[in-house]
Amino acid sequence: MNDSDYGLWMLVAVNSAIFIIFAFSFFKPKTKRDWRSFGAFSAFLVALFTEMYGFPLTIYLLSGWLESQFPEVNWLSHDAGHLPEMLFGWQANPHFGPFHLMSMLLILAGFLLLSAAWHVLYAAQTTGTLATTGPYGHVRHPQYVAFIIIMVGFLFQWPTILTVLMFPVLAFMYIRLAKREEAEAFATFGEEYRRYAESIPAFIPSLHRIMEGRTQ
């Protein structure tokens, strides 16, 4: 694509590698299930950065409508790829726009949650006990929640047709993986896991429980 800010395939490779390695350092997949969930997340990142720096497929497919509705925007510029800021008329640098800032907060929160969950899970696996503290004291599957939060963060920053379509598929996959993990945990821990599952939600934390924890 001539006279555009795209076609930067080295940036596609570098950014994909950085975030995949970063996620790997937090998640540290071991089982086939771990690698499956991590691989799907990695595919999401590659698709994202391909459109961010390589080829803007979404903008290409929507070019007719975008150019008719926003003729003043150079849709081959990198800044124009921040579609939420463009569509809502953000006039300043989109990297400081509300959607981009929200994106960064969500991505940071997701990686912090991923790290905290892994440390608790690793300690539990080492001792052969059930992980119930830290993030596991609020949701039963904090690592999958973290992956979803990170993906939502990237969608706020740079939504594309492909990643928007991939997101519900990956979320559904994580839910299925979580159910399989629960069956294995119940087989291993029995009544202890049943009591834990009855008191701790799977993915969405209880606000009431969080407030109780803060007041104790």
N, C-alpha and C. Protein backbone atom coordinates (compact mmCIF):
# COMPACT_ATOMS: atom_id res chain seq x y z
N MET A 1 0.85 -1.19 0.00
CA MET A 1 0.00 0.00 0.00
C MET A 1 0.89 1.24 0.00
N ASN A 2 0.94 1.94 -1.12
CA ASN A 2 1.80 3.11 -1.25
C ASN A 2 1.23 4.28 -0.48
N ASP A 3 2.16 5.18 -0.03
CA ASP A 3 1.78 6.41 0.67
C ASP A 3 0.87 6.12 1.86
N SER A 4 1.18 5.09 2.59
CA SER A 4 0.40 4.75 3.77
C SER A 4 1.34 4.43 4.92
N ASP A 5 0.78 4.32 6.10
CA ASP A 5 1.56 3.97 7.28
C ASP A 5 1.55 2.48 7.55
N TYR A 6 1.16 1.69 6.55
CA TYR A 6 1.08 0.25 6.73
C TYR A 6 2.20 -0.45 5.95
N GLY A 7 2.14 -1.75 5.91
CA GLY A 7 3.20 -2.52 5.27
C GLY A 7 4.44 -2.66 6.12
N LEU A 8 4.31 -2.39 7.43
CA LEU A 8 5.44 -2.47 8.36
C LEU A 8 5.46 -3.85 9.01
N TRP A 9 5.83 -4.84 8.23
CA TRP A 9 5.73 -6.23 8.69
C TRP A 9 6.73 -6.54 9.80
N MET A 10 7.83 -5.82 9.85
CA MET A 10 8.76 -6.03 10.96
C MET A 10 8.11 -5.64 12.28
N LEU A 11 7.33 -4.54 12.27
CA LEU A 11 6.62 -4.14 13.49
C LEU A 11 5.55 -5.15 13.86
N VAL A 12 4.93 -5.76 12.85
CA VAL A 12 3.95 -6.82 13.13
C VAL A 12 4.63 -7.95 13.90
N ALA A 13 5.79 -8.39 13.40
CA ALA A 13 6.51 -9.49 14.02
C ALA A 13 7.01 -9.12 15.41
N VAL A 14 7.59 -7.92 15.54
CA VAL A 14 8.17 -7.51 16.82
C VAL A 14 7.10 -7.34 17.89
N ASN A 15 6.02 -6.62 17.57
CA ASN A 15 4.97 -6.41 18.56
C ASN A 15 4.27 -7.70 18.93
N SER A 16 4.02 -8.56 17.95
CA SER A 16 3.39 -9.85 18.25
C SER A 16 4.29 -10.65 19.20
N ALA A 17 5.59 -10.68 18.89
CA ALA A 17 6.53 -11.44 19.72
C ALA A 17 6.60 -10.88 21.13
N ILE A 18 6.66 -9.56 21.25
CA ILE A 18 6.77 -8.94 22.58
C ILE A 18 5.58 -9.31 23.45
N PHE A 19 4.37 -9.14 22.93
CA PHE A 19 3.18 -9.40 23.74
C PHE A 19 2.98 -10.88 23.99
N ILE A 20 3.32 -11.72 23.01
CA ILE A 20 3.18 -13.17 23.22
C ILE A 20 4.17 -13.65 24.28
N ILE A 21 5.41 -13.18 24.20
CA ILE A 21 6.41 -13.56 25.20
C ILE A 21 6.03 -13.00 26.56
N PHE A 22 5.52 -11.78 26.58
CA PHE A 22 5.08 -11.15 27.83
C PHE A 22 3.98 -11.98 28.47
N ALA A 23 2.98 -12.37 27.67
CA ALA A 23 1.88 -13.19 28.18
C ALA A 23 2.40 -14.56 28.63
N PHE A 24 3.35 -15.11 27.88
CA PHE A 24 3.92 -16.41 28.23
C PHE A 24 4.60 -16.35 29.59
N SER A 25 5.30 -15.25 29.85
CA SER A 25 6.02 -15.12 31.11
C SER A 25 5.07 -15.04 32.30
N PHE A 26 3.83 -14.58 32.06
CA PHE A 26 2.84 -14.51 33.13
C PHE A 26 2.06 -15.81 33.26
N PHE A 27 1.74 -16.43 32.12
CA PHE A 27 0.84 -17.58 32.10
C PHE A 27 1.58 -18.91 32.28
N LYS A 28 2.74 -19.05 31.65
CA LYS A 28 3.58 -20.24 31.73
C LYS A 28 2.77 -21.52 31.47
N PRO A 29 2.30 -21.72 30.24
CA PRO A 29 1.49 -22.91 29.93
C PRO A 29 2.28 -24.20 30.12
N LYS A 30 1.60 -25.22 30.65
CA LYS A 30 2.24 -26.52 30.89
C LYS A 30 1.48 -27.65 30.20
N THR A 31 0.17 -27.70 30.42
CA THR A 31 -0.62 -28.79 29.87
C THR A 31 -1.05 -28.47 28.44
N LYS A 32 -1.59 -29.49 27.75
CA LYS A 32 -2.12 -29.28 26.40
C LYS A 32 -3.23 -28.24 26.42
N ARG A 33 -4.04 -28.25 27.47
CA ARG A 33 -5.12 -27.27 27.59
C ARG A 33 -4.56 -25.86 27.73
N ASP A 34 -3.50 -25.73 28.53
CA ASP A 34 -2.85 -24.43 28.68
C ASP A 34 -2.34 -23.91 27.34
N TRP A 35 -1.69 -24.80 26.60
CA TRP A 35 -1.13 -24.39 25.31
C TRP A 35 -2.23 -24.05 24.32
N ARG A 36 -3.36 -24.74 24.40
CA ARG A 36 -4.48 -24.45 23.51
C ARG A 36 -5.02 -23.05 23.77
N SER A 37 -5.23 -22.72 25.03
CA SER A 37 -5.76 -21.40 25.37
C SER A 37 -4.75 -20.31 25.04
N PHE A 38 -3.47 -20.59 25.31
CA PHE A 38 -2.43 -19.61 25.01
C PHE A 38 -2.26 -19.43 23.51
N GLY A 39 -2.37 -20.51 22.74
CA GLY A 39 -2.26 -20.42 21.29
C GLY A 39 -3.37 -19.59 20.68
N ALA A 40 -4.59 -19.76 21.19
CA ALA A 40 -5.71 -18.98 20.68
C ALA A 40 -5.51 -17.49 20.98
N PHE A 41 -5.02 -17.20 22.17
CA PHE A 41 -4.74 -15.81 22.54
C PHE A 41 -3.65 -15.23 21.65
N SER A 42 -2.63 -16.03 21.36
CA SER A 42 -1.53 -15.58 20.49
C SER A 42 -2.05 -15.29 19.08
N ALA A 43 -2.97 -16.13 18.57
CA ALA A 43 -3.54 -15.90 17.24
C ALA A 43 -4.30 -14.58 17.20
N PHE A 44 -4.99 -14.25 18.29
CA PHE A 44 -5.70 -12.98 18.39
C PHE A 44 -4.72 -11.82 18.27
N LEU A 45 -3.58 -11.92 18.96
CA LEU A 45 -2.59 -10.85 18.93
C LEU A 45 -1.99 -10.69 17.55
N VAL A 46 -1.69 -11.80 16.89
CA VAL A 46 -1.11 -11.73 15.55
C VAL A 46 -2.08 -11.07 14.58
N ALA A 47 -3.36 -11.46 14.65
CA ALA A 47 -4.38 -10.86 13.79
C ALA A 47 -4.50 -9.37 14.06
N LEU A 48 -4.42 -8.99 15.33
CA LEU A 48 -4.52 -7.58 15.71
C LEU A 48 -3.37 -6.76 15.14
N PHE A 49 -2.15 -7.20 15.38
CA PHE A 49 -0.99 -6.42 14.94
C PHE A 49 -0.81 -6.46 13.43
N THR A 50 -1.32 -7.50 12.78
CA THR A 50 -1.27 -7.53 11.32
C THR A 50 -2.07 -6.38 10.74
N GLU A 51 -3.24 -6.11 11.32
CA GLU A 51 -4.05 -4.99 10.84
C GLU A 51 -3.54 -3.65 11.36
N MET A 52 -2.87 -3.67 12.49
CA MET A 52 -2.37 -2.42 13.06
C MET A 52 -1.18 -1.87 12.28
N TYR A 53 -0.32 -2.78 11.80
CA TYR A 53 0.89 -2.33 11.12
C TYR A 53 1.10 -2.91 9.72
N GLY A 54 0.46 -4.04 9.43
CA GLY A 54 0.69 -4.71 8.16
C GLY A 54 -0.27 -4.30 7.06
N PHE A 55 -1.49 -4.83 7.14
CA PHE A 55 -2.49 -4.51 6.12
C PHE A 55 -3.83 -4.23 6.80
N PRO A 56 -4.41 -3.02 6.62
CA PRO A 56 -5.65 -2.64 7.31
C PRO A 56 -6.89 -3.23 6.64
N LEU A 57 -7.09 -4.52 6.81
CA LEU A 57 -8.19 -5.20 6.14
C LEU A 57 -9.54 -4.58 6.47
N THR A 58 -9.75 -4.26 7.74
CA THR A 58 -11.03 -3.69 8.15
C THR A 58 -11.29 -2.35 7.46
N ILE A 59 -10.29 -1.49 7.45
CA ILE A 59 -10.44 -0.19 6.79
C ILE A 59 -10.64 -0.38 5.28
N TYR A 60 -9.95 -1.35 4.71
CA TYR A 60 -10.11 -1.62 3.28
C TYR A 60 -11.54 -2.05 2.97
N LEU A 61 -12.09 -2.94 3.79
CA LEU A 61 -13.46 -3.42 3.55
C LEU A 61 -14.51 -2.34 3.79
N LEU A 62 -14.21 -1.44 4.72
CA LEU A 62 -15.17 -0.38 5.06
C LEU A 62 -14.82 0.95 4.38
N SER A 63 -13.85 0.94 3.48
CA SER A 63 -13.32 2.18 2.92
C SER A 63 -14.39 3.04 2.25
N GLY A 64 -15.31 2.43 1.51
CA GLY A 64 -16.34 3.21 0.83
C GLY A 64 -17.17 4.00 1.80
N TRP A 65 -17.66 3.34 2.86
CA TRP A 65 -18.49 4.03 3.86
C TRP A 65 -17.67 5.04 4.65
N LEU A 66 -16.46 4.67 5.06
CA LEU A 66 -15.64 5.57 5.85
C LEU A 66 -15.29 6.85 5.09
N GLU A 67 -14.93 6.71 3.83
CA GLU A 67 -14.55 7.88 3.03
C GLU A 67 -15.74 8.78 2.74
N SER A 68 -16.93 8.19 2.61
CA SER A 68 -18.12 9.02 2.36
C SER A 68 -18.57 9.74 3.62
N GLN A 69 -18.40 9.10 4.78
CA GLN A 69 -18.84 9.71 6.03
C GLN A 69 -17.80 10.63 6.65
N PHE A 70 -16.52 10.33 6.41
CA PHE A 70 -15.44 11.12 7.01
C PHE A 70 -14.41 11.44 5.93
N PRO A 71 -14.77 12.29 4.96
CA PRO A 71 -13.86 12.58 3.83
C PRO A 71 -12.59 13.30 4.24
N GLU A 72 -12.60 13.93 5.42
CA GLU A 72 -11.43 14.70 5.85
C GLU A 72 -10.34 13.82 6.47
N VAL A 73 -10.65 12.57 6.73
CA VAL A 73 -9.70 11.67 7.40
C VAL A 73 -8.86 10.92 6.38
N ASN A 74 -7.56 10.88 6.63
CA ASN A 74 -6.66 10.06 5.81
C ASN A 74 -6.69 8.64 6.36
N TRP A 75 -7.46 7.77 5.76
CA TRP A 75 -7.68 6.44 6.31
C TRP A 75 -6.49 5.50 6.12
N LEU A 76 -5.46 5.95 5.43
CA LEU A 76 -4.24 5.15 5.32
C LEU A 76 -3.19 5.56 6.34
N SER A 77 -3.54 6.50 7.22
CA SER A 77 -2.62 6.88 8.29
C SER A 77 -2.80 5.95 9.48
N HIS A 78 -1.76 5.83 10.28
CA HIS A 78 -1.83 4.95 11.45
C HIS A 78 -2.88 5.45 12.45
N ASP A 79 -2.92 6.77 12.67
CA ASP A 79 -3.87 7.31 13.64
C ASP A 79 -5.30 6.97 13.29
N ALA A 80 -5.62 6.90 12.01
CA ALA A 80 -6.99 6.62 11.61
C ALA A 80 -7.42 5.21 11.97
N GLY A 81 -6.43 4.34 12.24
CA GLY A 81 -6.77 2.98 12.64
C GLY A 81 -7.42 2.90 14.00
N HIS A 82 -7.29 3.97 14.79
CA HIS A 82 -7.99 4.03 16.07
C HIS A 82 -9.45 4.40 15.79
N LEU A 83 -10.20 3.45 15.30
CA LEU A 83 -11.55 3.72 14.80
C LEU A 83 -12.49 4.36 15.82
N PRO A 84 -12.51 3.92 17.09
CA PRO A 84 -13.43 4.57 18.04
C PRO A 84 -13.21 6.07 18.15
N GLU A 85 -11.93 6.49 18.25
CA GLU A 85 -11.66 7.92 18.34
C GLU A 85 -12.07 8.64 17.06
N MET A 86 -11.82 8.03 15.91
CA MET A 86 -12.18 8.64 14.64
C MET A 86 -13.69 8.76 14.49
N LEU A 87 -14.40 7.69 14.80
CA LEU A 87 -15.86 7.68 14.61
C LEU A 87 -16.57 8.64 15.57
N PHE A 88 -15.98 8.88 16.74
CA PHE A 88 -16.59 9.79 17.70
C PHE A 88 -16.03 11.20 17.60
N GLY A 89 -15.21 11.44 16.57
CA GLY A 89 -14.76 12.79 16.30
C GLY A 89 -13.69 13.31 17.22
N TRP A 90 -12.87 12.43 17.78
CA TRP A 90 -11.78 12.90 18.64
C TRP A 90 -10.77 13.65 17.79
N GLN A 91 -10.52 14.90 18.13
CA GLN A 91 -9.69 15.77 17.29
C GLN A 91 -8.21 15.71 17.64
N ALA A 92 -7.88 15.36 18.87
CA ALA A 92 -6.48 15.35 19.29
C ALA A 92 -5.83 14.01 18.93
N ASN A 93 -4.61 13.84 19.40
CA ASN A 93 -3.88 12.59 19.16
C ASN A 93 -4.68 11.41 19.70
N PRO A 94 -5.03 10.44 18.86
CA PRO A 94 -5.87 9.33 19.32
C PRO A 94 -5.21 8.48 20.40
N HIS A 95 -3.88 8.54 20.50
CA HIS A 95 -3.20 7.78 21.54
C HIS A 95 -3.51 8.32 22.94
N PHE A 96 -4.07 9.52 23.00
CA PHE A 96 -4.49 10.09 24.28
C PHE A 96 -6.01 10.21 24.35
N GLY A 97 -6.69 9.53 23.45
CA GLY A 97 -8.15 9.55 23.44
C GLY A 97 -8.73 8.65 24.52
N PRO A 98 -10.00 8.81 24.84
CA PRO A 98 -10.62 8.04 25.93
C PRO A 98 -10.62 6.55 25.69
N PHE A 99 -10.84 6.11 24.45
CA PHE A 99 -10.87 4.68 24.18
C PHE A 99 -9.47 4.07 24.30
N HIS A 100 -8.47 4.80 23.83
CA HIS A 100 -7.11 4.30 23.93
C HIS A 100 -6.66 4.22 25.38
N LEU A 101 -6.97 5.22 26.18
CA LEU A 101 -6.60 5.20 27.59
C LEU A 101 -7.32 4.08 28.33
N MET A 102 -8.60 3.89 28.02
CA MET A 102 -9.34 2.77 28.62
C MET A 102 -8.70 1.45 28.22
N SER A 103 -8.27 1.37 26.97
CA SER A 103 -7.61 0.17 26.48
C SER A 103 -6.37 -0.15 27.31
N MET A 104 -5.54 0.84 27.53
CA MET A 104 -4.29 0.62 28.26
C MET A 104 -4.56 0.18 29.69
N LEU A 105 -5.58 0.75 30.31
CA LEU A 105 -5.94 0.36 31.69
C LEU A 105 -6.40 -1.09 31.74
N LEU A 106 -7.22 -1.49 30.77
CA LEU A 106 -7.71 -2.87 30.74
C LEU A 106 -6.58 -3.85 30.46
N ILE A 107 -5.71 -3.52 29.52
CA ILE A 107 -4.59 -4.41 29.20
C ILE A 107 -3.68 -4.58 30.42
N LEU A 108 -3.37 -3.47 31.09
CA LEU A 108 -2.53 -3.54 32.29
C LEU A 108 -3.21 -4.36 33.38
N ALA A 109 -4.49 -4.12 33.60
CA ALA A 109 -5.24 -4.87 34.62
C ALA A 109 -5.25 -6.36 34.29
N GLY A 110 -5.42 -6.68 33.01
CA GLY A 110 -5.45 -8.08 32.61
C GLY A 110 -4.13 -8.78 32.87
N PHE A 111 -3.02 -8.14 32.54
CA PHE A 111 -1.71 -8.76 32.77
C PHE A 111 -1.40 -8.87 34.26
N LEU A 112 -1.80 -7.88 35.04
CA LEU A 112 -1.59 -7.96 36.49
C LEU A 112 -2.40 -9.10 37.09
N LEU A 113 -3.64 -9.27 36.64
CA LEU A 113 -4.47 -10.37 37.11
C LEU A 113 -3.88 -11.71 36.70
N LEU A 114 -3.39 -11.78 35.46
CA LEU A 114 -2.78 -13.02 34.96
C LEU A 114 -1.58 -13.41 35.81
N SER A 115 -0.76 -12.42 36.16
CA SER A 115 0.42 -12.68 36.98
C SER A 115 0.03 -13.13 38.38
N ALA A 116 -0.89 -12.40 39.01
CA ALA A 116 -1.30 -12.74 40.37
C ALA A 116 -1.92 -14.13 40.43
N ALA A 117 -2.74 -14.47 39.43
CA ALA A 117 -3.39 -15.78 39.40
C ALA A 117 -2.37 -16.89 39.23
N TRP A 118 -1.37 -16.67 38.37
CA TRP A 118 -0.39 -17.73 38.13
C TRP A 118 0.40 -18.04 39.40
N HIS A 119 0.78 -17.02 40.16
CA HIS A 119 1.56 -17.25 41.37
C HIS A 119 0.77 -18.08 42.38
N VAL A 120 -0.53 -17.79 42.52
CA VAL A 120 -1.37 -18.56 43.44
C VAL A 120 -1.53 -19.99 42.94
N LEU A 121 -1.78 -20.14 41.64
CA LEU A 121 -1.98 -21.48 41.07
C LEU A 121 -0.70 -22.31 41.15
N TYR A 122 0.43 -21.69 40.88
CA TYR A 122 1.70 -22.41 40.94
C TYR A 122 1.97 -22.92 42.36
N ALA A 123 1.72 -22.07 43.35
CA ALA A 123 1.93 -22.49 44.74
C ALA A 123 1.00 -23.64 45.11
N ALA A 124 -0.25 -23.58 44.63
CA ALA A 124 -1.21 -24.64 44.92
C ALA A 124 -0.81 -25.95 44.24
N GLN A 125 -0.36 -25.86 43.00
CA GLN A 125 0.07 -27.07 42.29
C GLN A 125 1.30 -27.69 42.93
N THR A 126 2.18 -26.85 43.44
CA THR A 126 3.40 -27.35 44.08
C THR A 126 3.08 -28.14 45.34
N THR A 127 2.08 -27.69 46.08
CA THR A 127 1.72 -28.35 47.34
C THR A 127 0.58 -29.34 47.19
N GLY A 128 0.01 -29.43 45.99
CA GLY A 128 -1.09 -30.36 45.76
C GLY A 128 -2.38 -29.95 46.44
N THR A 129 -2.56 -28.64 46.59
CA THR A 129 -3.77 -28.12 47.25
C THR A 129 -4.63 -27.37 46.24
N LEU A 130 -5.81 -26.97 46.69
CA LEU A 130 -6.73 -26.23 45.84
C LEU A 130 -6.43 -24.74 45.93
N ALA A 131 -6.34 -24.06 44.78
CA ALA A 131 -6.09 -22.62 44.75
C ALA A 131 -7.36 -21.87 45.12
N THR A 132 -7.34 -21.19 46.27
CA THR A 132 -8.53 -20.48 46.73
C THR A 132 -8.24 -19.07 47.21
N THR A 133 -6.99 -18.64 47.17
CA THR A 133 -6.64 -17.32 47.69
C THR A 133 -6.36 -16.35 46.55
N GLY A 134 -6.08 -15.10 46.89
CA GLY A 134 -5.80 -14.09 45.86
C GLY A 134 -6.96 -13.97 44.89
N PRO A 135 -6.66 -13.90 43.59
CA PRO A 135 -7.74 -13.81 42.59
C PRO A 135 -8.71 -14.99 42.65
N TYR A 136 -8.20 -16.16 43.08
CA TYR A 136 -9.06 -17.35 43.18
C TYR A 136 -10.05 -17.24 44.34
N GLY A 137 -9.88 -16.23 45.16
CA GLY A 137 -10.85 -15.97 46.21
C GLY A 137 -12.03 -15.15 45.73
N HIS A 138 -11.98 -14.71 44.47
CA HIS A 138 -13.06 -13.90 43.91
C HIS A 138 -13.71 -14.56 42.70
N VAL A 139 -12.91 -15.24 41.87
CA VAL A 139 -13.45 -15.99 40.73
C VAL A 139 -12.69 -17.30 40.62
N ARG A 140 -13.33 -18.31 40.04
CA ARG A 140 -12.70 -19.64 39.97
C ARG A 140 -11.73 -19.75 38.80
N HIS A 141 -11.84 -18.85 37.81
CA HIS A 141 -10.98 -18.94 36.63
C HIS A 141 -10.37 -17.57 36.28
N PRO A 142 -9.55 -17.03 37.18
CA PRO A 142 -9.02 -15.67 36.95
C PRO A 142 -8.11 -15.58 35.73
N GLN A 143 -7.41 -16.67 35.37
CA GLN A 143 -6.51 -16.58 34.22
C GLN A 143 -7.30 -16.41 32.92
N TYR A 144 -8.40 -17.12 32.79
CA TYR A 144 -9.22 -16.94 31.59
C TYR A 144 -9.88 -15.56 31.59
N VAL A 145 -10.29 -15.10 32.77
CA VAL A 145 -10.85 -13.75 32.88
C VAL A 145 -9.80 -12.72 32.44
N ALA A 146 -8.54 -12.96 32.82
CA ALA A 146 -7.47 -12.04 32.45
C ALA A 146 -7.29 -11.98 30.93
N PHE A 147 -7.30 -13.14 30.28
CA PHE A 147 -7.17 -13.16 28.82
C PHE A 147 -8.32 -12.37 28.16
N ILE A 148 -9.52 -12.55 28.68
CA ILE A 148 -10.68 -11.85 28.11
C ILE A 148 -10.56 -10.35 28.32
N ILE A 149 -10.11 -9.93 29.51
CA ILE A 149 -9.94 -8.50 29.79
C ILE A 149 -8.90 -7.89 28.84
N ILE A 150 -7.79 -8.60 28.63
CA ILE A 150 -6.75 -8.09 27.73
C ILE A 150 -7.29 -7.95 26.31
N MET A 151 -8.04 -8.95 25.84
CA MET A 151 -8.60 -8.87 24.49
C MET A 151 -9.60 -7.73 24.37
N VAL A 152 -10.43 -7.53 25.39
CA VAL A 152 -11.37 -6.40 25.37
C VAL A 152 -10.59 -5.09 25.31
N GLY A 153 -9.49 -5.02 26.06
CA GLY A 153 -8.66 -3.82 26.03
C GLY A 153 -8.14 -3.52 24.64
N PHE A 154 -7.65 -4.53 23.95
CA PHE A 154 -7.16 -4.32 22.59
C PHE A 154 -8.30 -3.94 21.64
N LEU A 155 -9.49 -4.47 21.87
CA LEU A 155 -10.62 -4.11 21.01
C LEU A 155 -11.03 -2.65 21.21
N PHE A 156 -10.87 -2.13 22.42
CA PHE A 156 -11.13 -0.71 22.65
C PHE A 156 -10.13 0.14 21.86
N GLN A 157 -8.90 -0.35 21.77
CA GLN A 157 -7.85 0.44 21.13
C GLN A 157 -7.88 0.32 19.61
N TRP A 158 -8.05 -0.90 19.09
CA TRP A 158 -7.90 -1.12 17.65
C TRP A 158 -8.87 -2.21 17.20
N PRO A 159 -10.16 -1.93 17.14
CA PRO A 159 -11.11 -2.97 16.73
C PRO A 159 -10.99 -3.29 15.25
N THR A 160 -11.01 -4.56 14.92
CA THR A 160 -11.00 -4.99 13.53
C THR A 160 -12.11 -6.02 13.33
N ILE A 161 -12.50 -6.22 12.10
CA ILE A 161 -13.55 -7.19 11.83
C ILE A 161 -13.12 -8.58 12.29
N LEU A 162 -11.87 -8.95 11.99
CA LEU A 162 -11.39 -10.28 12.33
C LEU A 162 -11.32 -10.50 13.84
N THR A 163 -10.75 -9.54 14.59
CA THR A 163 -10.64 -9.72 16.03
C THR A 163 -11.99 -9.65 16.73
N VAL A 164 -12.90 -8.83 16.21
CA VAL A 164 -14.25 -8.78 16.78
C VAL A 164 -14.96 -10.12 16.57
N LEU A 165 -14.73 -10.76 15.43
CA LEU A 165 -15.32 -12.08 15.19
C LEU A 165 -14.62 -13.15 16.01
N MET A 166 -13.32 -13.01 16.21
CA MET A 166 -12.58 -13.99 16.99
C MET A 166 -12.93 -13.95 18.47
N PHE A 167 -13.24 -12.77 18.98
CA PHE A 167 -13.42 -12.60 20.42
C PHE A 167 -14.48 -13.54 21.01
N PRO A 168 -15.72 -13.57 20.50
CA PRO A 168 -16.71 -14.47 21.11
C PRO A 168 -16.33 -15.95 20.97
N VAL A 169 -15.65 -16.28 19.87
CA VAL A 169 -15.21 -17.67 19.68
C VAL A 169 -14.20 -18.04 20.77
N LEU A 170 -13.24 -17.16 21.02
CA LEU A 170 -12.24 -17.42 22.04
C LEU A 170 -12.86 -17.43 23.44
N ALA A 171 -13.78 -16.51 23.69
CA ALA A 171 -14.45 -16.48 24.99
C ALA A 171 -15.20 -17.78 25.24
N PHE A 172 -15.89 -18.27 24.21
CA PHE A 172 -16.61 -19.54 24.33
C PHE A 172 -15.64 -20.69 24.57
N MET A 173 -14.49 -20.66 23.90
CA MET A 173 -13.49 -21.69 24.08
C MET A 173 -12.98 -21.70 25.52
N TYR A 174 -12.75 -20.50 26.08
CA TYR A 174 -12.28 -20.43 27.46
C TYR A 174 -13.32 -20.96 28.44
N ILE A 175 -14.58 -20.70 28.16
CA ILE A 175 -15.65 -21.22 29.02
C ILE A 175 -15.66 -22.75 28.99
N ARG A 176 -15.50 -23.33 27.81
CA ARG A 176 -15.46 -24.78 27.69
C ARG A 176 -14.24 -25.37 28.41
N LEU A 177 -13.09 -24.72 28.24
CA LEU A 177 -11.89 -25.19 28.92
C LEU A 177 -12.07 -25.10 30.44
N ALA A 178 -12.71 -24.04 30.90
CA ALA A 178 -12.94 -23.87 32.33
C ALA A 178 -13.83 -25.00 32.88
N LYS A 179 -14.84 -25.39 32.12
CA LYS A 179 -15.72 -26.47 32.57
C LYS A 179 -14.97 -27.80 32.65
N ARG A 180 -14.07 -28.04 31.71
CA ARG A 180 -13.27 -29.26 31.77
C ARG A 180 -12.35 -29.25 32.97
N GLU A 181 -11.77 -28.09 33.26
CA GLU A 181 -10.90 -27.98 34.42
C GLU A 181 -11.68 -28.21 35.70
N GLU A 182 -12.92 -27.73 35.75
CA GLU A 182 -13.72 -27.91 36.94
C GLU A 182 -14.05 -29.38 37.16
N ALA A 183 -14.33 -30.10 36.08
CA ALA A 183 -14.61 -31.53 36.22
C ALA A 183 -13.39 -32.26 36.78
N GLU A 184 -12.21 -31.89 36.32
CA GLU A 184 -10.99 -32.52 36.83
C GLU A 184 -10.74 -32.13 38.29
N ALA A 185 -10.99 -30.85 38.61
CA ALA A 185 -10.79 -30.40 39.99
C ALA A 185 -11.76 -31.11 40.94
N PHE A 186 -12.99 -31.30 40.50
CA PHE A 186 -13.96 -31.99 41.34
C PHE A 186 -13.56 -33.44 41.55
N ALA A 187 -13.03 -34.06 40.49
CA ALA A 187 -12.57 -35.44 40.61
C ALA A 187 -11.39 -35.55 41.57
N THR A 188 -10.58 -34.50 41.64
CA THR A 188 -9.39 -34.52 42.49
C THR A 188 -9.69 -34.13 43.92
N PHE A 189 -10.49 -33.07 44.11
CA PHE A 189 -10.70 -32.51 45.45
C PHE A 189 -12.07 -32.81 46.03
N GLY A 190 -12.99 -33.30 45.20
CA GLY A 190 -14.28 -33.74 45.70
C GLY A 190 -15.08 -32.67 46.43
N GLU A 191 -15.45 -32.98 47.67
CA GLU A 191 -16.32 -32.10 48.45
C GLU A 191 -15.70 -30.72 48.68
N GLU A 192 -14.40 -30.69 48.81
CA GLU A 192 -13.73 -29.40 49.02
C GLU A 192 -13.96 -28.47 47.83
N TYR A 193 -13.86 -29.02 46.63
CA TYR A 193 -14.09 -28.18 45.45
C TYR A 193 -15.56 -27.82 45.30
N ARG A 194 -16.45 -28.73 45.68
CA ARG A 194 -17.87 -28.43 45.59
C ARG A 194 -18.22 -27.24 46.47
N ARG A 195 -17.70 -27.21 47.68
CA ARG A 195 -17.97 -26.08 48.59
C ARG A 195 -17.36 -24.79 48.03
N TYR A 196 -16.17 -24.91 47.47
CA TYR A 196 -15.53 -23.75 46.87
C TYR A 196 -16.34 -23.21 45.70
N ALA A 197 -16.80 -24.09 44.80
CA ALA A 197 -17.56 -23.68 43.63
C ALA A 197 -18.91 -23.08 44.02
N GLU A 198 -19.47 -23.52 45.14
CA GLU A 198 -20.76 -22.97 45.59
C GLU A 198 -20.62 -21.55 46.13
N SER A 199 -19.44 -21.20 46.59
CA SER A 199 -19.26 -19.88 47.22
C SER A 199 -18.55 -18.87 46.32
N ILE A 200 -17.82 -19.35 45.29
CA ILE A 200 -17.05 -18.46 44.43
C ILE A 200 -17.59 -18.54 43.01
N PRO A 201 -17.96 -17.40 42.40
CA PRO A 201 -18.46 -17.42 41.01
C PRO A 201 -17.36 -17.80 40.03
N ALA A 202 -17.77 -18.25 38.84
CA ALA A 202 -16.81 -18.74 37.86
C ALA A 202 -16.00 -17.62 37.22
N PHE A 203 -16.67 -16.57 36.74
CA PHE A 203 -15.97 -15.54 35.95
C PHE A 203 -16.20 -14.11 36.43
N ILE A 204 -17.38 -13.83 36.94
CA ILE A 204 -17.71 -12.45 37.34
C ILE A 204 -17.71 -12.36 38.86
N PRO A 205 -16.81 -11.60 39.45
CA PRO A 205 -16.73 -11.54 40.91
C PRO A 205 -17.96 -10.89 41.53
N SER A 206 -18.24 -11.29 42.75
CA SER A 206 -19.36 -10.72 43.50
C SER A 206 -18.92 -9.41 44.13
N LEU A 207 -19.59 -8.31 43.77
CA LEU A 207 -19.25 -7.01 44.34
C LEU A 207 -19.46 -7.03 45.84
N HIS A 208 -20.49 -7.71 46.29
CA HIS A 208 -20.78 -7.79 47.73
C HIS A 208 -19.63 -8.47 48.46
N ARG A 209 -19.11 -9.54 47.88
CA ARG A 209 -18.00 -10.26 48.51
C ARG A 209 -16.74 -9.39 48.54
N ILE A 210 -16.48 -8.64 47.46
CA ILE A 210 -15.31 -7.77 47.43
C ILE A 210 -15.41 -6.69 48.51
N MET A 211 -16.59 -6.09 48.66
CA MET A 211 -16.77 -5.06 49.68
C MET A 211 -16.63 -5.64 51.07
N GLU A 212 -17.11 -6.87 51.27
CA GLU A 212 -16.96 -7.51 52.58
C GLU A 212 -15.49 -7.72 52.90
N GLY A 213 -14.71 -8.12 51.89
CA GLY A 213 -13.29 -8.32 52.08
C GLY A 213 -12.57 -7.04 52.48
N ARG A 214 -13.01 -5.92 51.91
CA ARG A 214 -12.35 -4.63 52.23
C ARG A 214 -12.68 -4.15 53.62
N THR A 215 -13.84 -4.51 54.15
CA THR A 215 -14.26 -4.04 55.45
C THR A 215 -13.73 -4.92 56.58
N GLN A 216 -13.20 -6.10 56.23
CA GLN A 216 -12.69 -6.99 57.27
C GLN A 216 -11.29 -6.58 57.73
